[in-house]
PDB file of N, CA and C in Angstrom:
ATOM      1  N   MET A   1     120.339  85.222  78.068  1.00  0.00           N
ATOM      2  CA  MET A   1     119.020  85.900  77.989  1.00  0.00           C
ATOM      3  C   MET A   1     118.591  85.711  79.530  1.00  0.00           C
ATOM      4  N   ASP A   2     118.570  86.488  80.316  1.00  0.00           N
ATOM      5  CA  ASP A   2     118.327  86.509  81.807  1.00  0.00           C
ATOM      6  C   ASP A   2     116.759  86.928  81.957  1.00  0.00           C
ATOM      7  N   LEU A   3     116.193  86.183  82.782  1.00  0.00           N
ATOM      8  CA  LEU A   3     114.753  86.450  83.545  1.00  0.00           C
ATOM      9  C   LEU A   3     115.188  87.766  84.530  1.00  0.00           C
ATOM     10  N   LYS A   4     114.515  88.522  84.972  1.00  0.00           N
ATOM     11  CA  LYS A   4     114.606  89.318  86.095  1.00  0.00           C
ATOM     12  C   LYS A   4     113.645  88.734  87.215  1.00  0.00           C
ATOM     13  N   VAL A   5     114.005  88.875  88.480  1.00  0.00           N
ATOM     14  CA  VAL A   5     113.620  88.007  89.683  1.00  0.00           C
ATOM     15  C   VAL A   5     113.520  89.300  90.914  1.00  0.00           C
ATOM     16  N   ASP A   6     112.031  88.460  91.376  1.00  0.00           N
ATOM     17  CA  ASP A   6     112.260  89.630  92.723  1.00  0.00           C
ATOM     18  C   ASP A   6     113.059  89.007  93.933  1.00  0.00           C
ATOM     19  N   LEU A   7     112.818  89.708  95.247  1.00  0.00           N
ATOM     20  CA  LEU A   7     113.827  88.940  96.296  1.00  0.00           C
ATOM     21  C   LEU A   7     113.445  87.631  96.326  1.00  0.00           C
ATOM     22  N   GLY A   8     111.931  86.964  96.002  1.00  0.00           N
ATOM     23  CA  GLY A   8     111.848  85.709  96.808  1.00  0.00           C
ATOM     24  C   GLY A   8     112.012  84.921  95.650  1.00  0.00           C
ATOM     25  N   GLY A   9     112.770  85.386  94.588  1.00  0.00           N
ATOM     26  CA  GLY A   9     113.042  84.244  93.033  1.00  0.00           C
ATOM     27  C   GLY A   9     112.238  83.992  92.251  1.00  0.00           C
ATOM     28  N   ASN A  10     110.828  85.020  92.234  1.00  0.00           N
ATOM     29  CA  ASN A  10     109.864  84.472  91.174  1.00  0.00           C
ATOM     30  C   ASN A  10     110.263  85.582  90.198  1.00  0.00           C
ATOM     31  N   ALA A  11     110.126  85.316  89.014  1.00  0.00           N
ATOM     32  CA  ALA A  11     110.069  86.102  87.545  1.00  0.00           C
ATOM     33  C   ALA A  11     109.099  86.860  87.332  1.00  0.00           C
ATOM     34  N   TRP A  12     109.478  88.087  86.884  1.00  0.00           N
ATOM     35  CA  TRP A  12     108.909  88.832  86.796  1.00  0.00           C
ATOM     36  C   TRP A  12     108.845  89.909  85.290  1.00  0.00           C
ATOM     37  N   GLY A  13     107.991  90.326  84.777  1.00  0.00           N
ATOM     38  CA  GLY A  13     108.259  91.361  83.446  1.00  0.00           C
ATOM     39  C   GLY A  13     108.749  90.627  82.323  1.00  0.00           C
ATOM     40  N   PRO A  14     108.616  91.392  81.202  1.00  0.00           N
ATOM     41  CA  PRO A  14     108.704  90.240  79.741  1.00  0.00           C
ATOM     42  C   PRO A  14     110.126  89.869  80.209  1.00  0.00           C
ATOM     43  N   MET A  15     110.543  89.171  78.982  1.00  0.00           N
ATOM     44  CA  MET A  15     111.844  88.580  78.716  1.00  0.00           C
ATOM     45  C   MET A  15     112.756  89.477  78.223  1.00  0.00           C
ATOM     46  N   ARG A  16     113.957  89.704  79.017  1.00  0.00           N
ATOM     47  CA  ARG A  16     114.778  90.777  78.769  1.00  0.00           C
ATOM     48  C   ARG A  16     116.186  90.412  78.892  1.00  0.00           C
ATOM     49  N   VAL A  17     117.066  90.998  77.786  1.00  0.00           N
ATOM     50  CA  VAL A  17     118.537  91.026  78.422  1.00  0.00           C
ATOM     51  C   VAL A  17     119.179  91.963  79.098  1.00  0.00           C
ATOM     52  N   TRP A  18     120.205  91.631  80.086  1.00  0.00           N
ATOM     53  CA  TRP A  18     120.703  92.454  80.919  1.00  0.00           C
ATOM     54  C   TRP A  18     121.779  92.489  80.872  1.00  0.00           C
ATOM     55  N   LYS A  19     122.455  93.436  80.960  1.00  0.00           N
ATOM     56  CA  LYS A  19     124.104  93.550  80.656  1.00  0.00           C
ATOM     57  C   LYS A  19     124.473  93.825  82.257  1.00  0.00           C
ATOM     58  N   ARG A  20     125.463  92.621  82.670  1.00  0.00           N
ATOM     59  CA  ARG A  20     125.963  92.662  84.138  1.00  0.00           C
ATOM     60  C   ARG A  20     126.369  94.102  84.525  1.00  0.00           C
ATOM     61  N   ASP A  21     126.408  94.048  85.778  1.00  0.00           N
ATOM     62  CA  ASP A  21     126.803  95.542  86.231  1.00  0.00           C
ATOM     63  C   ASP A  21     126.102  96.575  85.736  1.00  0.00           C
ATOM     64  N   PHE A  22     124.635  96.721  84.915  1.00  0.00           N
ATOM     65  CA  PHE A  22     124.079  97.730  84.082  1.00  0.00           C
ATOM     66  C   PHE A  22     123.028  98.026  84.700  1.00  0.00           C
ATOM     67  N   THR A  23     122.683  99.361  85.604  1.00  0.00           N
ATOM     68  CA  THR A  23     121.614  99.687  86.050  1.00  0.00           C
ATOM     69  C   THR A  23     120.304 100.210  85.205  1.00  0.00           C
ATOM     70  N   GLY A  24     120.816 100.232  83.886  1.00  0.00           N
ATOM     71  CA  GLY A  24     119.763 100.614  83.069  1.00  0.00           C
ATOM     72  C   GLY A  24     118.579  99.556  82.785  1.00  0.00           C
ATOM     73  N   PRO A  25     117.720  99.900  82.317  1.00  0.00           N
ATOM     74  CA  PRO A  25     116.582  99.034  81.563  1.00  0.00           C
ATOM     75  C   PRO A  25     117.213  98.000  80.795  1.00  0.00           C
ATOM     76  N   GLY A  26     116.424  96.967  80.861  1.00  0.00           N
ATOM     77  CA  GLY A  26     117.032  95.707  80.116  1.00  0.00           C
ATOM     78  C   GLY A  26     116.495  95.689  78.826  1.00  0.00           C
ATOM     79  N   LEU A  27     116.790  95.110  77.779  1.00  0.00           N
ATOM     80  CA  LEU A  27     116.288  95.032  76.292  1.00  0.00           C
ATOM     81  C   LEU A  27     115.414  94.086  76.252  1.00  0.00           C
ATOM     82  N   ALA A  28     114.071  94.490  76.010  1.00  0.00           N
ATOM     83  CA  ALA A  28     112.913  93.849  75.739  1.00  0.00           C
ATOM     84  C   ALA A  28     113.251  93.390  74.192  1.00  0.00           C
ATOM     85  N   MET A  29     113.008  92.121  73.823  1.00  0.00           N
ATOM     86  CA  MET A  29     113.736  91.579  72.597  1.00  0.00           C
ATOM     87  C   MET A  29     112.908  91.995  71.582  1.00  0.00           C
ATOM     88  N   SER A  30     111.859  92.469  71.531  1.00  0.00           N
ATOM     89  CA  SER A  30     111.333  92.921  70.089  1.00  0.00           C
ATOM     90  C   SER A  30     111.726  94.658  70.020  1.00  0.00           C
ATOM     91  N   ARG A  31     112.973  94.711  70.333  1.00  0.00           N
ATOM     92  CA  ARG A  31     113.664  96.226  70.175  1.00  0.00           C
ATOM     93  C   ARG A  31     115.123  95.612  70.111  1.00  0.00           C
ATOM     94  N   SER A  32     115.525  94.365  69.735  1.00  0.00           N
ATOM     95  CA  SER A  32     116.773  94.269  69.263  1.00  0.00           C
ATOM     96  C   SER A  32     117.423  94.770  68.072  1.00  0.00           C
ATOM     97  N   LEU A  33     116.733  95.038  67.462  1.00  0.00           N
ATOM     98  CA  LEU A  33     117.014  95.677  65.620  1.00  0.00           C
ATOM     99  C   LEU A  33     117.792  96.726  66.113  1.00  0.00           C
ATOM    100  N   GLY A  34     119.173  96.910  65.662  1.00  0.00           N
ATOM    101  CA  GLY A  34     119.795  98.147  65.744  1.00  0.00           C
ATOM    102  C   GLY A  34     120.349  98.560  67.071  1.00  0.00           C
ATOM    103  N   ASP A  35     120.303  97.974  67.991  1.00  0.00           N
ATOM    104  CA  ASP A  35     120.587  98.379  69.848  1.00  0.00           C
ATOM    105  C   ASP A  35     122.169  98.140  69.395  1.00  0.00           C
ATOM    106  N   ALA A  36     122.970  98.849  69.255  1.00  0.00           N
ATOM    107  CA  ALA A  36     124.620  98.557  69.693  1.00  0.00           C
ATOM    108  C   ALA A  36     124.892  97.936  70.910  1.00  0.00           C
ATOM    109  N   GLU A  37     124.220  98.387  71.667  1.00  0.00           N
ATOM    110  CA  GLU A  37     124.481  97.954  73.338  1.00  0.00           C
ATOM    111  C   GLU A  37     124.183  96.450  73.249  1.00  0.00           C
ATOM    112  N   ALA A  38     122.996  96.133  73.063  1.00  0.00           N
ATOM    113  CA  ALA A  38     122.723  94.739  72.870  1.00  0.00           C
ATOM    114  C   ALA A  38     123.499  94.004  72.235  1.00  0.00           C
ATOM    115  N   HIS A  39     124.027  94.475  71.043  1.00  0.00           N
ATOM    116  CA  HIS A  39     124.634  93.472  70.131  1.00  0.00           C
ATOM    117  C   HIS A  39     126.127  93.290  70.643  1.00  0.00           C
ATOM    118  N   SER A  40     126.665  94.416  71.371  1.00  0.00           N
ATOM    119  CA  SER A  40     127.763  93.679  72.245  1.00  0.00           C
ATOM    120  C   SER A  40     127.765  92.749  73.225  1.00  0.00           C
ATOM    121  N   ILE A  41     126.543  92.192  73.969  1.00  0.00           N
ATOM    122  CA  ILE A  41     126.520  91.229  74.584  1.00  0.00           C
ATOM    123  C   ILE A  41     125.852  90.139  73.900  1.00  0.00           C
ATOM    124  N   GLY A  42     125.335  89.832  72.500  1.00  0.00           N
ATOM    125  CA  GLY A  42     125.056  88.771  72.181  1.00  0.00           C
ATOM    126  C   GLY A  42     123.751  88.791  71.634  1.00  0.00           C
ATOM    127  N   VAL A  43     122.976  89.921  71.779  1.00  0.00           N
ATOM    128  CA  VAL A  43     121.842  89.853  71.306  1.00  0.00           C
ATOM    129  C   VAL A  43     122.042  90.204  69.697  1.00  0.00           C
ATOM    130  N   THR A  44     121.154  89.266  68.443  1.00  0.00           N
ATOM    131  CA  THR A  44     121.212  89.579  67.581  1.00  0.00           C
ATOM    132  C   THR A  44     119.999  89.697  66.777  1.00  0.00           C
ATOM    133  N   SER A  45     119.797  90.216  65.208  1.00  0.00           N
ATOM    134  CA  SER A  45     118.711  90.386  64.942  1.00  0.00           C
ATOM    135  C   SER A  45     118.267  89.499  64.198  1.00  0.00           C
ATOM    136  N   ILE A  46     118.663  88.360  63.831  1.00  0.00           N
ATOM    137  CA  ILE A  46     118.304  87.412  62.821  1.00  0.00           C
ATOM    138  C   ILE A  46     117.484  86.531  63.800  1.00  0.00           C
ATOM    139  N   PRO A  47     116.431  86.275  62.902  1.00  0.00           N
ATOM    140  CA  PRO A  47     115.324  85.831  63.959  1.00  0.00           C
ATOM    141  C   PRO A  47     114.789  84.755  63.694  1.00  0.00           C
ATOM    142  N   ASP A  48     114.110  83.982  64.544  1.00  0.00           N
ATOM    143  CA  ASP A  48     113.760  82.828  64.661  1.00  0.00           C
ATOM    144  C   ASP A  48     112.473  82.464  63.358  1.00  0.00           C
ATOM    145  N   VAL A  49     112.878  81.156  62.455  1.00  0.00           N
ATOM    146  CA  VAL A  49     111.266  81.412  61.567  1.00  0.00           C
ATOM    147  C   VAL A  49     110.792  79.961  62.008  1.00  0.00           C
ATOM    148  N   VAL A  50     109.197  80.303  61.650  1.00  0.00           N
ATOM    149  CA  VAL A  50     108.581  79.255  61.971  1.00  0.00           C
ATOM    150  C   VAL A  50     107.650  79.208  60.949  1.00  0.00           C
ATOM    151  N   GLU A  51     107.489  77.810  60.198  1.00  0.00           N
ATOM    152  CA  GLU A  51     106.384  78.026  58.941  1.00  0.00           C
ATOM    153  C   GLU A  51     105.014  76.976  59.862  1.00  0.00           C
ATOM    154  N   ILE A  52     103.901  77.677  59.439  1.00  0.00           N
ATOM    155  CA  ILE A  52     102.637  77.211  59.782  1.00  0.00           C
ATOM    156  C   ILE A  52     101.672  77.265  58.913  1.00  0.00           C
ATOM    157  N   GLU A  53     101.328  75.998  58.529  1.00  0.00           N
ATOM    158  CA  GLU A  53     100.276  75.790  57.681  1.00  0.00           C
ATOM    159  C   GLU A  53      99.133  76.474  57.404  1.00  0.00           C
ATOM    160  N   VAL A  54      98.493  77.157  56.631  1.00  0.00           N
ATOM    161  CA  VAL A  54      97.047  77.774  57.187  1.00  0.00           C
ATOM    162  C   VAL A  54      96.130  77.001  56.613  1.00  0.00           C
ATOM    163  N   LYS A  55      95.280  76.643  57.590  1.00  0.00           N
ATOM    164  CA  LYS A  55      94.104  75.754  57.292  1.00  0.00           C
ATOM    165  C   LYS A  55      92.753  76.645  56.794  1.00  0.00           C
ATOM    166  N   LYS A  56      92.017  75.558  56.109  1.00  0.00           N
ATOM    167  CA  LYS A  56      90.858  76.353  55.771  1.00  0.00           C
ATOM    168  C   LYS A  56      89.948  76.880  56.769  1.00  0.00           C
ATOM    169  N   ALA A  57      90.355  76.566  58.005  1.00  0.00           N
ATOM    170  CA  ALA A  57      89.231  77.257  59.135  1.00  0.00           C
ATOM    171  C   ALA A  57      89.862  78.408  59.763  1.00  0.00           C
ATOM    172  N   ASP A  58      91.119  78.947  59.220  1.00  0.00           N
ATOM    173  CA  ASP A  58      92.011  80.041  59.847  1.00  0.00           C
ATOM    174  C   ASP A  58      91.496  81.089  58.745  1.00  0.00           C
ATOM    175  N   ARG A  59      91.059  81.912  59.751  1.00  0.00           N
ATOM    176  CA  ARG A  59      90.751  83.423  59.111  1.00  0.00           C
ATOM    177  C   ARG A  59      91.418  84.317  59.251  1.00  0.00           C
ATOM    178  N   ALA A  60      92.423  84.776  60.377  1.00  0.00           N
ATOM    179  CA  ALA A  60      92.964  85.919  60.329  1.00  0.00           C
ATOM    180  C   ALA A  60      94.477  85.606  61.009  1.00  0.00           C
ATOM    181  N   VAL A  61      95.144  86.623  60.809  1.00  0.00           N
ATOM    182  CA  VAL A  61      96.582  86.557  61.428  1.00  0.00           C
ATOM    183  C   VAL A  61      96.615  88.019  61.930  1.00  0.00           C
ATOM    184  N   ILE A  62      97.081  87.989  63.544  1.00  0.00           N
ATOM    185  CA  ILE A  62      97.263  88.939  64.283  1.00  0.00           C
ATOM    186  C   ILE A  62      98.657  88.979  64.855  1.00  0.00           C
ATOM    187  N   LEU A  63      99.083  90.044  64.216  1.00  0.00           N
ATOM    188  CA  LEU A  63     100.787  90.412  64.985  1.00  0.00           C
ATOM    189  C   LEU A  63     101.243  91.494  65.890  1.00  0.00           C
ATOM    190  N   ALA A  64     101.279  91.059  66.745  1.00  0.00           N
ATOM    191  CA  ALA A  64     101.018  92.634  67.932  1.00  0.00           C
ATOM    192  C   ALA A  64     102.170  92.297  68.782  1.00  0.00           C
ATOM    193  N   SER A  65     102.488  93.709  69.236  1.00  0.00           N
ATOM    194  CA  SER A  65     103.711  93.690  70.049  1.00  0.00           C
ATOM    195  C   SER A  65     103.006  93.185  71.562  1.00  0.00           C
ATOM    196  N   ASP A  66     103.882  93.670  72.231  1.00  0.00           N
ATOM    197  CA  ASP A  66     103.232  93.244  74.065  1.00  0.00           C
ATOM    198  C   ASP A  66     102.499  94.074  74.454  1.00  0.00           C
ATOM    199  N   GLY A  67     102.869  95.289  73.871  1.00  0.00           N
ATOM    200  CA  GLY A  67     101.544  96.250  74.524  1.00  0.00           C
ATOM    201  C   GLY A  67     100.250  95.936  74.340  1.00  0.00           C
ATOM    202  N   ILE A  68     100.402  95.352  73.117  1.00  0.00           N
ATOM    203  CA  ILE A  68      98.560  94.655  72.888  1.00  0.00           C
ATOM    204  C   ILE A  68      98.205  93.581  73.821  1.00  0.00           C
ATOM    205  N   TRP A  69      99.293  92.687  73.729  1.00  0.00           N
ATOM    206  CA  TRP A  69      98.888  91.004  74.483  1.00  0.00           C
ATOM    207  C   TRP A  69      99.006  91.417  75.982  1.00  0.00           C
ATOM    208  N   GLU A  70      99.718  92.100  76.893  1.00  0.00           N
ATOM    209  CA  GLU A  70      99.706  92.339  77.878  1.00  0.00           C
ATOM    210  C   GLU A  70      98.661  93.045  78.718  1.00  0.00           C
ATOM    211  N   VAL A  71      97.519  93.612  78.067  1.00  0.00           N
ATOM    212  CA  VAL A  71      96.688  94.402  78.614  1.00  0.00           C
ATOM    213  C   VAL A  71      95.210  93.768  78.069  1.00  0.00           C
ATOM    214  N   LEU A  72      95.286  93.208  76.595  1.00  0.00           N
ATOM    215  CA  LEU A  72      93.947  92.556  76.112  1.00  0.00           C
ATOM    216  C   LEU A  72      94.024  90.923  76.634  1.00  0.00           C
ATOM    217  N   GLY A  73      94.761  90.504  76.612  1.00  0.00           N
ATOM    218  CA  GLY A  73      94.794  88.919  76.113  1.00  0.00           C
ATOM    219  C   GLY A  73      94.080  88.265  74.628  1.00  0.00           C
ATOM    220  N   MET A  74      94.195  86.706  74.861  1.00  0.00           N
ATOM    221  CA  MET A  74      93.936  86.571  73.475  1.00  0.00           C
ATOM    222  C   MET A  74      91.997  86.923  73.173  1.00  0.00           C
ATOM    223  N   GLU A  75      91.732  86.179  74.076  1.00  0.00           N
ATOM    224  CA  GLU A  75      89.976  86.181  74.045  1.00  0.00           C
ATOM    225  C   GLU A  75      89.417  87.661  73.382  1.00  0.00           C
ATOM    226  N   LYS A  76      90.090  88.851  74.337  1.00  0.00           N
ATOM    227  CA  LYS A  76      89.551  90.192  73.911  1.00  0.00           C
ATOM    228  C   LYS A  76      90.170  90.625  72.793  1.00  0.00           C
ATOM    229  N   VAL A  77      91.784  90.201  72.064  1.00  0.00           N
ATOM    230  CA  VAL A  77      91.689  90.452  71.124  1.00  0.00           C
ATOM    231  C   VAL A  77      91.123  89.967  70.112  1.00  0.00           C
ATOM    232  N   LEU A  78      90.751  88.349  70.346  1.00  0.00           N
ATOM    233  CA  LEU A  78      89.560  88.150  69.277  1.00  0.00           C
ATOM    234  C   LEU A  78      88.537  88.382  69.209  1.00  0.00           C
ATOM    235  N   LYS A  79      87.937  88.932  70.237  1.00  0.00           N
ATOM    236  CA  LYS A  79      86.426  89.060  70.248  1.00  0.00           C
ATOM    237  C   LYS A  79      86.750  90.473  69.272  1.00  0.00           C
ATOM    238  N   ILE A  80      87.650  91.400  69.362  1.00  0.00           N
ATOM    239  CA  ILE A  80      87.624  92.877  68.842  1.00  0.00           C
ATOM    240  C   ILE A  80      87.846  92.585  67.576  1.00  0.00           C
ATOM    241  N   VAL A  81      88.589  91.870  66.923  1.00  0.00           N
ATOM    242  CA  VAL A  81      88.902  91.203  65.412  1.00  0.00           C
ATOM    243  C   VAL A  81      87.744  90.935  64.930  1.00  0.00           C
ATOM    244  N   SER A  82      87.155  89.853  65.332  1.00  0.00           N
ATOM    245  CA  SER A  82      86.299  89.008  64.790  1.00  0.00           C
ATOM    246  C   SER A  82      84.784  90.098  64.625  1.00  0.00           C
ATOM    247  N   GLY A  83      85.109  91.192  65.219  1.00  0.00           N
ATOM    248  CA  GLY A  83      84.067  92.074  65.412  1.00  0.00           C
ATOM    249  C   GLY A  83      83.881  93.107  63.610  1.00  0.00           C
ATOM    250  N   HIS A  84      85.365  93.042  63.147  1.00  0.00           N
ATOM    251  CA  HIS A  84      85.579  93.836  62.124  1.00  0.00           C
ATOM    252  C   HIS A  84      85.920  92.511  60.809  1.00  0.00           C
ATOM    253  N   TYR A  85      85.553  91.063  60.730  1.00  0.00           N
ATOM    254  CA  TYR A  85      85.944  90.123  60.199  1.00  0.00           C
ATOM    255  C   TYR A  85      84.930  90.146  58.882  1.00  0.00           C
ATOM    256  N   LYS A  86      83.644  89.979  59.335  1.00  0.00           N
ATOM    257  CA  LYS A  86      82.109  90.233  58.422  1.00  0.00           C
ATOM    258  C   LYS A  86      82.571  91.197  57.698  1.00  0.00           C
ATOM    259  N   GLU A  87      83.020  92.540  57.969  1.00  0.00           N
ATOM    260  CA  GLU A  87      83.245  93.479  56.572  1.00  0.00           C
ATOM    261  C   GLU A  87      84.551  93.369  56.160  1.00  0.00           C
ATOM    262  N   GLY A  88      85.279  92.455  56.329  1.00  0.00           N
ATOM    263  CA  GLY A  88      86.393  92.612  55.932  1.00  0.00           C
ATOM    264  C   GLY A  88      87.697  93.359  55.864  1.00  0.00           C
ATOM    265  N   ASN A  89      87.536  94.424  57.194  1.00  0.00           N
ATOM    266  CA  ASN A  89      88.463  95.361  57.313  1.00  0.00           C
ATOM    267  C   ASN A  89      89.404  95.304  58.370  1.00  0.00           C
ATOM    268  N   ALA A  90      90.416  94.446  57.938  1.00  0.00           N
ATOM    269  CA  ALA A  90      91.573  94.385  58.628  1.00  0.00           C
ATOM    270  C   ALA A  90      92.293  95.597  59.374  1.00  0.00           C
ATOM    271  N   GLU A  91      91.839  96.800  58.541  1.00  0.00           N
ATOM    272  CA  GLU A  91      92.624  97.880  59.123  1.00  0.00           C
ATOM    273  C   GLU A  91      91.772  98.781  60.065  1.00  0.00           C
ATOM    274  N   LYS A  92      90.517  98.351  59.732  1.00  0.00           N
ATOM    275  CA  LYS A  92      89.624  99.014  61.245  1.00  0.00           C
ATOM    276  C   LYS A  92      89.530  98.041  62.637  1.00  0.00           C
ATOM    277  N   ALA A  93      90.127  96.600  62.292  1.00  0.00           N
ATOM    278  CA  ALA A  93      90.326  95.768  63.104  1.00  0.00           C
ATOM    279  C   ALA A  93      91.632  95.951  63.999  1.00  0.00           C
ATOM    280  N   ALA A  94      92.710  96.516  63.210  1.00  0.00           N
ATOM    281  CA  ALA A  94      94.038  96.669  63.619  1.00  0.00           C
ATOM    282  C   ALA A  94      93.996  98.363  64.517  1.00  0.00           C
ATOM    283  N   GLU A  95      93.072  99.002  63.763  1.00  0.00           N
ATOM    284  CA  GLU A  95      92.762 100.594  64.798  1.00  0.00           C
ATOM    285  C   GLU A  95      92.228 100.192  65.854  1.00  0.00           C
ATOM    286  N   ALA A  96      91.509  99.320  65.946  1.00  0.00           N
ATOM    287  CA  ALA A  96      90.431  99.245  67.350  1.00  0.00           C
ATOM    288  C   ALA A  96      91.204  98.516  68.451  1.00  0.00           C
ATOM    289  N   LEU A  97      91.884  97.627  68.191  1.00  0.00           N
ATOM    290  CA  LEU A  97      93.135  97.047  68.659  1.00  0.00           C
ATOM    291  C   LEU A  97      93.817  97.945  69.556  1.00  0.00           C
ATOM    292  N   THR A  98      94.332  98.726  68.660  1.00  0.00           N
ATOM    293  CA  THR A  98      95.305  99.886  69.365  1.00  0.00           C
ATOM    294  C   THR A  98      94.447 101.009  70.232  1.00  0.00           C
ATOM    295  N   LYS A  99      93.356 101.194  69.961  1.00  0.00           N
ATOM    296  CA  LYS A  99      92.935 102.091  70.616  1.00  0.00           C
ATOM    297  C   LYS A  99      92.225 101.365  71.733  1.00  0.00           C
ATOM    298  N   VAL A 100      91.465 100.563  72.331  1.00  0.00           N
ATOM    299  CA  VAL A 100      91.276  99.600  73.330  1.00  0.00           C
ATOM    300  C   VAL A 100      92.689  99.549  74.112  1.00  0.00           C
ATOM    301  N   ALA A 101      93.811  98.855  73.427  1.00  0.00           N
ATOM    302  CA  ALA A 101      94.856  98.745  74.523  1.00  0.00           C
ATOM    303  C   ALA A 101      95.219 100.061  74.976  1.00  0.00           C
ATOM    304  N   ALA A 102      94.969 100.907  74.316  1.00  0.00           N
ATOM    305  CA  ALA A 102      95.742 102.520  74.613  1.00  0.00           C
ATOM    306  C   ALA A 102      94.970 102.968  75.917  1.00  0.00           C
ATOM    307  N   LEU A 103      93.568 102.611  76.157  1.00  0.00           N
ATOM    308  CA  LEU A 103      92.423 102.758  77.371  1.00  0.00           C
ATOM    309  C   LEU A 103      93.221 101.823  78.273  1.00  0.00           C
ATOM    310  N   GLU A 104      93.452 100.744  78.051  1.00  0.00           N
ATOM    311  CA  GLU A 104      93.349  99.760  79.005  1.00  0.00           C
ATOM    312  C   GLU A 104      95.144 100.346  79.854  1.00  0.00           C
ATOM    313  N   TRP A 105      95.557 100.688  79.070  1.00  0.00           N
ATOM    314  CA  TRP A 105      97.307 100.918  79.608  1.00  0.00           C
ATOM    315  C   TRP A 105      96.836 102.457  80.189  1.00  0.00           C
ATOM    316  N   LYS A 106      95.995 103.205  80.009  1.00  0.00           N
ATOM    317  CA  LYS A 106      95.742 104.567  80.785  1.00  0.00           C
ATOM    318  C   LYS A 106      95.038 104.441  81.896  1.00  0.00           C
ATOM    319  N   LYS A 107      94.223 103.214  82.096  1.00  0.00           N
ATOM    320  CA  LYS A 107      93.462 102.989  83.200  1.00  0.00           C
ATOM    321  C   LYS A 107      94.569 102.059  84.383  1.00  0.00           C
ATOM    322  N   LYS A 108      95.426 101.587  83.658  1.00  0.00           N
ATOM    323  CA  LYS A 108      96.760 101.152  84.971  1.00  0.00           C
ATOM    324  C   LYS A 108      97.548 102.311  85.226  1.00  0.00           C
ATOM    325  N   GLY A 109      97.678 103.362  85.013  1.00  0.00           N
ATOM    326  CA  GLY A 109      98.206 104.434  85.146  1.00  0.00           C
ATOM    327  C   GLY A 109      99.877 104.146  84.790  1.00  0.00           C
ATOM    328  N   GLY A 110     100.686 105.196  84.852  1.00  0.00           N
ATOM    329  CA  GLY A 110     102.215 105.195  84.668  1.00  0.00           C
ATOM    330  C   GLY A 110     102.345 105.154  83.050  1.00  0.00           C
ATOM    331  N   GLU A 111     103.378 104.334  82.557  1.00  0.00           N
ATOM    332  CA  GLU A 111     103.722 104.334  81.411  1.00  0.00           C
ATOM    333  C   GLU A 111     102.998 103.395  80.402  1.00  0.00           C
ATOM    334  N   VAL A 112     102.752 103.826  78.850  1.00  0.00           N
ATOM    335  CA  VAL A 112     101.872 102.924  78.057  1.00  0.00           C
ATOM    336  C   VAL A 112     103.366 102.213  77.733  1.00  0.00           C
ATOM    337  N   ASP A 113     103.079 100.727  77.398  1.00  0.00           N
ATOM    338  CA  ASP A 113     104.182 100.035  76.509  1.00  0.00           C
ATOM    339  C   ASP A 113     104.014 100.461  75.041  1.00  0.00           C
ATOM    340  N   ASP A 114     104.688  99.881  74.072  1.00  0.00           N
ATOM    341  CA  ASP A 114     104.649 100.573  72.752  1.00  0.00           C
ATOM    342  C   ASP A 114     103.191  99.548  72.218  1.00  0.00           C
ATOM    343  N   ILE A 115     102.446  99.906  71.299  1.00  0.00           N
ATOM    344  CA  ILE A 115     101.667  99.441  70.846  1.00  0.00           C
ATOM    345  C   ILE A 115     101.303  99.109  69.208  1.00  0.00           C
ATOM    346  N   THR A 116     101.932  98.072  68.789  1.00  0.00           N
ATOM    347  CA  THR A 116     101.927  97.937  67.175  1.00  0.00           C
ATOM    348  C   THR A 116     101.123  96.443  67.014  1.00  0.00           C
ATOM    349  N   VAL A 117     100.418  96.615  65.894  1.00  0.00           N
ATOM    350  CA  VAL A 117      99.723  95.635  65.288  1.00  0.00           C
ATOM    351  C   VAL A 117      99.698  95.530  63.814  1.00  0.00           C
ATOM    352  N   ILE A 118      99.510  94.349  63.639  1.00  0.00           N
ATOM    353  CA  ILE A 118      99.047  94.226  62.183  1.00  0.00           C
ATOM    354  C   ILE A 118      98.113  93.015  62.250  1.00  0.00           C
ATOM    355  N   VAL A 119      96.982  93.301  61.036  1.00  0.00           N
ATOM    356  CA  VAL A 119      95.851  92.353  60.994  1.00  0.00           C
ATOM    357  C   VAL A 119      95.803  91.602  59.894  1.00  0.00           C
ATOM    358  N   MET A 120      95.654  90.611  59.718  1.00  0.00           N
ATOM    359  CA  MET A 120      95.098  90.188  57.868  1.00  0.00           C
ATOM    360  C   MET A 120      94.429  88.920  58.062  1.00  0.00           C
ATOM    361  N   PHE A 121      93.367  89.532  57.372  1.00  0.00           N
ATOM    362  CA  PHE A 121      92.073  88.672  57.047  1.00  0.00           C
ATOM    363  C   PHE A 121      92.003  87.692  55.630  1.00  0.00           C
ATOM    364  N   PHE A 122      91.870  86.596  55.968  1.00  0.00           N
ATOM    365  CA  PHE A 122      91.977  85.220  54.865  1.00  0.00           C
ATOM    366  C   PHE A 122      90.554  85.358  54.141  1.00  0.00           C
ATOM    367  N   THR A 123      90.540  85.770  53.196  1.00  0.00           N
ATOM    368  CA  THR A 123      88.778  85.953  52.791  1.00  0.00           C
ATOM    369  C   THR A 123      88.603  84.726  51.247  1.00  0.00           C
ATOM    370  N   ASN A 124      89.666  84.613  51.000  1.00  0.00           N
ATOM    371  CA  ASN A 124      89.501  83.842  49.298  1.00  0.00           C
ATOM    372  C   ASN A 124      89.595  82.276  49.236  1.00  0.00           C
ATOM    373  N   TYR A 125      88.652  81.590  50.333  1.00  0.00           N
ATOM    374  CA  TYR A 125      88.633  80.115  50.498  1.00  0.00           C
ATOM    375  C   TYR A 125      87.433  79.653  49.862  1.00  0.00           C
TER     376      TYR A 125
END
């Protein structure tokens, strides 16, 4: 897996897989499932698995694509999600994240990256 670099050797863009001598876009790893071209150069859909123990202080899990994180950042995501925690509505939290991210992408102009998010609240402690 290579990271694209500019003429000064500085890394840019999300981590992608690039096929040698291919001018098409590199594959962002979140789209590796079912991509036959990427599989031909070693990309696998077998995930890395990490186990994390949920602590009493933990209140939510937020699973989101780079279309969320690139325009919102951790602080803004947490602020939006925490606004829906008291009412216990994870679905509304996810909807709010997607709406705010879409607005931020539109402000930037150009293409909108994929915006996918799942929010789960821990409320049974």
